[in-house]
C-alpha atoms as a PDB file:
ATOM      1  CA  MET A   1       0.581  -0.976 -10.700  1.00  0.00           C
ATOM      2  CA  MET A   2       1.881  -3.262  -7.878  1.00  0.00           C
ATOM      3  CA  ASP A   3       2.754  -0.575  -5.236  1.00  0.00           C
ATOM      4  CA  ALA A   4      -1.171   0.433  -5.731  1.00  0.00           C
ATOM      5  CA  GLY A   5      -1.364  -1.261  -1.911  1.00  0.00           C
ATOM      6  CA  LEU A   6       1.326   1.334  -1.031  1.00  0.00           C
ATOM      7  CA  LYS A   7      -0.039   4.347  -2.591  1.00  0.00           C
ATOM      8  CA  THR A   8      -3.575   3.499  -1.014  1.00  0.00           C
ATOM      9  CA  TRP A   9      -1.969   3.700   2.124  1.00  0.00           C
ATOM     10  CA  ALA A  10      -0.295   6.668   1.397  1.00  0.00           C
ATOM     11  CA  GLU A  11      -3.190   8.112   0.654  1.00  0.00           C
ATOM     12  CA  ILE A  12      -5.363   7.201   4.080  1.00  0.00           C
ATOM     13  CA  VAL A  13      -2.564   8.572   6.032  1.00  0.00           C
ATOM     14  CA  ARG A  14      -2.781  12.232   3.923  1.00  0.00           C
ATOM     15  CA  ILE A  15      -6.779  12.198   4.667  1.00  0.00           C
ATOM     16  CA  VAL A  16      -6.134  11.780   8.208  1.00  0.00           C
ATOM     17  CA  TYR A  17      -3.570  13.439   9.030  1.00  0.00           C
ATOM     18  CA  PRO A  18      -2.746  16.140   6.278  1.00  0.00           C
ATOM     19  CA  ASP A  19       0.252  17.828   7.652  1.00  0.00           C
ATOM     20  CA  LEU A  20       2.170  14.422   8.531  1.00  0.00           C
ATOM     21  CA  THR A  21       5.619  14.126   6.483  1.00  0.00           C
ATOM     22  CA  ILE A  22       4.983  10.236   4.465  1.00  0.00           C
ATOM     23  CA  LEU A  23       8.240   8.202   3.774  1.00  0.00           C
ATOM     24  CA  ARG A  24       8.558   5.071   1.649  1.00  0.00           C
ATOM     25  CA  ASP A  25      12.249   4.938   0.832  1.00  0.00           C
ATOM     26  CA  ARG A  26      13.442   2.577   3.329  1.00  0.00           C
ATOM     27  CA  THR A  27      16.983   3.606   2.980  1.00  0.00           C
ATOM     28  CA  GLN A  28      15.997   7.290   3.999  1.00  0.00           C
ATOM     29  CA  TRP A  29      14.235   5.651   6.872  1.00  0.00           C
ATOM     30  CA  LEU A  30      16.969   3.539   8.317  1.00  0.00           C
ATOM     31  CA  ALA A  31      19.370   6.360   7.823  1.00  0.00           C
ATOM     32  CA  GLY A  32      17.281   8.462  10.016  1.00  0.00           C
ATOM     33  CA  ASN A  33      17.013  11.298   7.599  1.00  0.00           C
ATOM     34  CA  PHE A  34      13.739  13.005   8.143  1.00  0.00           C
ATOM     35  CA  ASP A  35      11.899  15.312  10.195  1.00  0.00           C
ATOM     36  CA  THR A  36       9.295  14.219  13.277  1.00  0.00           C
ATOM     37  CA  PRO A  37       6.653  14.019  13.275  1.00  0.00           C
ATOM     38  CA  SER A  38       6.319  11.400  10.209  1.00  0.00           C
ATOM     39  CA  VAL A  39       5.351   7.908   8.905  1.00  0.00           C
ATOM     40  CA  PHE A  40       7.317   5.157   7.237  1.00  0.00           C
ATOM     41  CA  ILE A  41       4.627   2.962   4.964  1.00  0.00           C
ATOM     42  CA  GLU A  42       6.360  -0.441   4.124  1.00  0.00           C
ATOM     43  CA  THR A  43       4.269  -3.146   1.937  1.00  0.00           C
ATOM     44  CA  ASP A  44       5.297  -6.655   1.744  1.00  0.00           C
ATOM     45  CA  LEU A  45       3.743  -9.484  -0.580  1.00  0.00           C
ATOM     46  CA  VAL A  46       2.272 -12.093   1.009  1.00  0.00           C
ATOM     47  CA  SER A  47       0.346 -13.724  -1.856  1.00  0.00           C
ATOM     48  CA  ASP A  48      -0.335 -13.285  -5.592  1.00  0.00           C
ATOM     49  CA  ARG A  49      -3.658 -15.208  -6.814  1.00  0.00           C
ATOM     50  CA  VAL A  50      -5.198 -15.693  -9.915  1.00  0.00           C
ATOM     51  CA  ILE A  51      -8.579 -15.023  -9.827  1.00  0.00           C
ATOM     52  CA  THR A  52     -10.136 -14.874 -13.032  1.00  0.00           C
ATOM     53  CA  PRO A  53      -8.282 -13.996 -16.161  1.00  0.00           C
ATOM     54  CA  ARG A  54      -8.309 -10.427 -15.776  1.00  0.00           C
ATOM     55  CA  ALA A  55      -7.893  -9.819 -11.921  1.00  0.00           C
ATOM     56  CA  ASN A  56      -5.371 -11.159  -9.457  1.00  0.00           C
ATOM     57  CA  ARG A  57      -5.778 -11.092  -5.490  1.00  0.00           C
ATOM     58  CA  ILE A  58      -3.101  -9.589  -3.917  1.00  0.00           C
ATOM     59  CA  VAL A  59      -2.375 -10.143  -0.419  1.00  0.00           C
ATOM     60  CA  GLU A  60       0.271  -8.056   1.266  1.00  0.00           C
ATOM     61  CA  ASP A  61       1.233  -7.071   5.076  1.00  0.00           C
ATOM     62  CA  VAL A  62       1.820  -2.944   5.847  1.00  0.00           C
ATOM     63  CA  GLY A  63       3.784  -1.457   8.430  1.00  0.00           C
ATOM     64  CA  LEU A  64       3.331   2.057   9.343  1.00  0.00           C
ATOM     65  CA  VAL A  65       6.032   3.379  11.838  1.00  0.00           C
ATOM     66  CA  PHE A  66       4.337   6.818  13.599  1.00  0.00           C
ATOM     67  CA  HIS A  67       7.771   8.780  14.640  1.00  0.00           C
ATOM     68  CA  PHE A  68       6.983  11.222  17.657  1.00  0.00           C
ATOM     69  CA  ASP A  69       7.893  15.043  18.103  1.00  0.00           C
ATOM     70  CA  LYS A  70      10.331  15.764  20.144  1.00  0.00           C
ATOM     71  CA  GLU A  71       9.423  18.367  22.829  1.00  0.00           C
ATOM     72  CA  ARG A  72      10.956  21.589  22.720  1.00  0.00           C
ATOM     73  CA  ILE A  73       9.189  23.503  25.140  1.00  0.00           C
ATOM     74  CA  ALA A  74      11.513  23.946  28.080  1.00  0.00           C
ATOM     75  CA  GLU A  75      15.417  22.896  28.429  1.00  0.00           C
ATOM     76  CA  GLU A  76      14.792  20.044  30.328  1.00  0.00           C
ATOM     77  CA  ASP A  77      12.063  18.423  28.067  1.00  0.00           C
ATOM     78  CA  ASP A  78      14.570  18.664  25.160  1.00  0.00           C
ATOM     79  CA  GLY A  79      14.130  15.352  23.421  1.00  0.00           C
ATOM     80  CA  GLU A  80      11.353  13.805  25.401  1.00  0.00           C
ATOM     81  CA  PRO A  81       8.748  12.654  22.655  1.00  0.00           C
ATOM     82  CA  ILE A  82       5.247  13.786  22.237  1.00  0.00           C
ATOM     83  CA  PRO A  83       2.698  10.967  22.288  1.00  0.00           C
ATOM     84  CA  PHE A  84       1.115  10.841  18.757  1.00  0.00           C
ATOM     85  CA  ASP A  85      -2.807  10.387  18.775  1.00  0.00           C
ATOM     86  CA  LEU A  86      -3.886   7.860  16.633  1.00  0.00           C
ATOM     87  CA  THR A  87      -7.437   7.586  17.230  1.00  0.00           C
ATOM     88  CA  PRO A  88      -8.543   9.544  14.525  1.00  0.00           C
ATOM     89  CA  PHE A  89      -6.566   6.882  11.875  1.00  0.00           C
ATOM     90  CA  PHE A  90      -8.323   4.091  14.220  1.00  0.00           C
ATOM     91  CA  MET A  91     -11.460   6.124  13.643  1.00  0.00           C
ATOM     92  CA  PHE A  92     -11.230   6.692  10.263  1.00  0.00           C
ATOM     93  CA  LEU A  93     -10.667   2.921   9.244  1.00  0.00           C
ATOM     94  CA  ARG A  94     -13.460   1.971  11.980  1.00  0.00           C
ATOM     95  CA  GLN A  95     -15.813   3.904  10.515  1.00  0.00           C
ATOM     96  CA  ARG A  96     -15.331   2.214   6.818  1.00  0.00           C
ATOM     97  CA  LYS A  97     -15.435  -1.101   8.359  1.00  0.00           C
ATOM     98  CA  TYR A  98     -11.894  -1.705   7.564  1.00  0.00           C
ATOM     99  CA  LEU A  99     -12.696  -1.731   3.786  1.00  0.00           C
ATOM    100  CA  TYR A 100     -11.174   1.643   2.166  1.00  0.00           C
ATOM    101  CA  ALA A 101     -12.137   1.687  -2.141  1.00  0.00           C
ATOM    102  CA  SER A 102      -9.600   4.300  -3.443  1.00  0.00           C
ATOM    103  CA  LYS A 103     -11.057   6.096  -6.414  1.00  0.00           C
ATOM    104  CA  ARG A 104      -7.420   7.792  -7.272  1.00  0.00           C
ATOM    105  CA  PHE A 105      -5.284   4.324  -7.533  1.00  0.00           C
ATOM    106  CA  GLY A 106      -8.613   1.783  -8.421  1.00  0.00           C
ATOM    107  CA  VAL A 107      -8.468  -0.552  -6.002  1.00  0.00           C
ATOM    108  CA  ALA A 108     -10.465  -1.477  -2.736  1.00  0.00           C
ATOM    109  CA  LEU A 109      -8.462  -2.310   0.154  1.00  0.00           C
ATOM    110  CA  ILE A 110     -10.213  -4.976   2.959  1.00  0.00           C
ATOM    111  CA  MET A 111      -8.401  -4.971   6.117  1.00  0.00           C
ATOM    112  CA  GLU A 112      -8.077  -7.427   9.039  1.00  0.00           C
ATOM    113  CA  PRO A 113      -7.595  -5.482  12.284  1.00  0.00           C
ATOM    114  CA  PRO A 114      -4.310  -4.037  13.124  1.00  0.00           C
ATOM    115  CA  ARG A 115      -2.013  -5.170  15.261  1.00  0.00           C
ATOM    116  CA  ASN A 116       0.487  -1.744  17.459  1.00  0.00           C
ATOM    117  CA  ARG A 117       3.707  -2.108  19.019  1.00  0.00           C
ATOM    118  CA  PRO A 118       4.396   0.723  20.686  1.00  0.00           C
ATOM    119  CA  GLU A 119       8.109   1.963  21.241  1.00  0.00           C
ATOM    120  CA  LYS A 120       9.722   5.238  23.289  1.00  0.00           C
ATOM    121  CA  ASP A 121       9.939   7.412  20.170  1.00  0.00           C
ATOM    122  CA  ARG A 122       6.952   5.827  17.832  1.00  0.00           C
ATOM    123  CA  VAL A 123       4.457   3.547  17.591  1.00  0.00           C
ATOM    124  CA  GLU A 124       4.184   0.661  14.816  1.00  0.00           C
ATOM    125  CA  VAL A 125       0.907  -0.587  13.293  1.00  0.00           C
ATOM    126  CA  THR A 126       0.870  -3.655  11.014  1.00  0.00           C
ATOM    127  CA  PHE A 127      -2.083  -4.691   9.095  1.00  0.00           C
ATOM    128  CA  ARG A 128      -2.912  -7.493   7.000  1.00  0.00           C
ATOM    129  CA  TYR A 129      -4.903  -6.470   3.530  1.00  0.00           C
ATOM    130  CA  SER A 130      -6.035  -7.672   0.472  1.00  0.00           C
ATOM    131  CA  TYR A 131      -7.368  -6.055  -3.026  1.00  0.00           C
ATOM    132  CA  LEU A 132      -8.014  -7.143  -6.409  1.00  0.00           C
ATOM    133  CA  LEU A 133      -5.752  -5.903  -8.867  1.00  0.00           C
ATOM    134  CA  SER A 134      -7.338  -5.597 -12.735  1.00  0.00           C
ATOM    135  CA  VAL A 135      -4.885  -7.452 -15.616  1.00  0.00           C
ATOM    136  CA  PRO A 136      -4.699  -5.793 -18.458  1.00  0.00           C
ATOM    137  CA  LYS A 137      -6.308  -7.615 -21.576  1.00  0.00           C
ATOM    138  CA  ILE A 138      -3.570  -8.087 -24.755  1.00  0.00           C
ATOM    139  CA  PRO A 139      -4.539  -7.847 -27.719  1.00  0.00           C
ATOM    140  CA  VAL A 140      -4.061 -11.037 -29.694  1.00  0.00           C
ATOM    141  CA  PRO A 141      -3.995 -10.186 -33.583  1.00  0.00           C
ATOM    142  CA  LYS A 142      -6.815 -12.276 -35.749  1.00  0.00           C
ATOM    143  CA  ILE A 143      -5.733 -14.180 -38.195  1.00  0.00           C
ATOM    144  CA  ASN A 144      -7.334 -13.361 -41.716  1.00  0.00           C
ATOM    145  CA  GLU A 145      -5.208 -15.683 -44.204  1.00  0.00           C
ATOM    146  CA  PHE A 146      -5.377 -19.460 -44.105  1.00  0.00           C
ATOM    147  CA  HIS A 147      -2.540 -21.412 -45.989  1.00  0.00           C
ATOM    148  CA  ILE A 148      -2.803 -25.125 -46.466  1.00  0.00           C
ATOM    149  CA  GLY A 149      -0.125 -27.508 -47.314  1.00  0.00           C
ATOM    150  CA  TYR A 150       0.032 -31.453 -48.266  1.00  0.00           C
ATOM    151  CA  GLU A 151       2.912 -33.178 -49.124  1.00  0.00           C
ATOM    152  CA  GLY A 152       5.214 -30.531 -49.392  1.00  0.00           C
ATOM    153  CA  LYS A 153       2.936 -28.125 -51.432  1.00  0.00           C
ATOM    154  CA  GLU A 154       0.600 -25.164 -50.651  1.00  0.00           C
ATOM    155  CA  LEU A 155      -2.618 -25.769 -51.634  1.00  0.00           C
ATOM    156  CA  ASN A 156      -4.860 -22.648 -52.092  1.00  0.00           C
ATOM    157  CA  PRO A 157      -8.549 -22.916 -50.645  1.00  0.00           C
END
């Protein structure tokens, strides 16, 4: 369940951009085997602290790389990137005050404000966020029989 953050980010992107291709496989992304426009999502664990016996606080960094589409209207424009409008994405997060509760994956992301790094053919957006992850309770078998021993002999209670 440690990939709950990654799945929740994919859910957010799917809500804001329903037709956008989402990449999660790093080797496929590094090889360039994807269609544009698309977004590559990668999370990195920063810390995992025990808060209660039944919950851990997970702090992660996420990187979202939005790849622009290539313009193909005229021959001279072939290969020129079409800038991607990230306003709906940031508006979605601001309206929720950088808090998003996923009913599907059972986590609530608490985000810090993003950092953007525009490139020629893409925009890289990074966040630090945290969420509580419930730890399943391990059943402990009950002891119903007691045996007492004294000087090598077993005594019956």
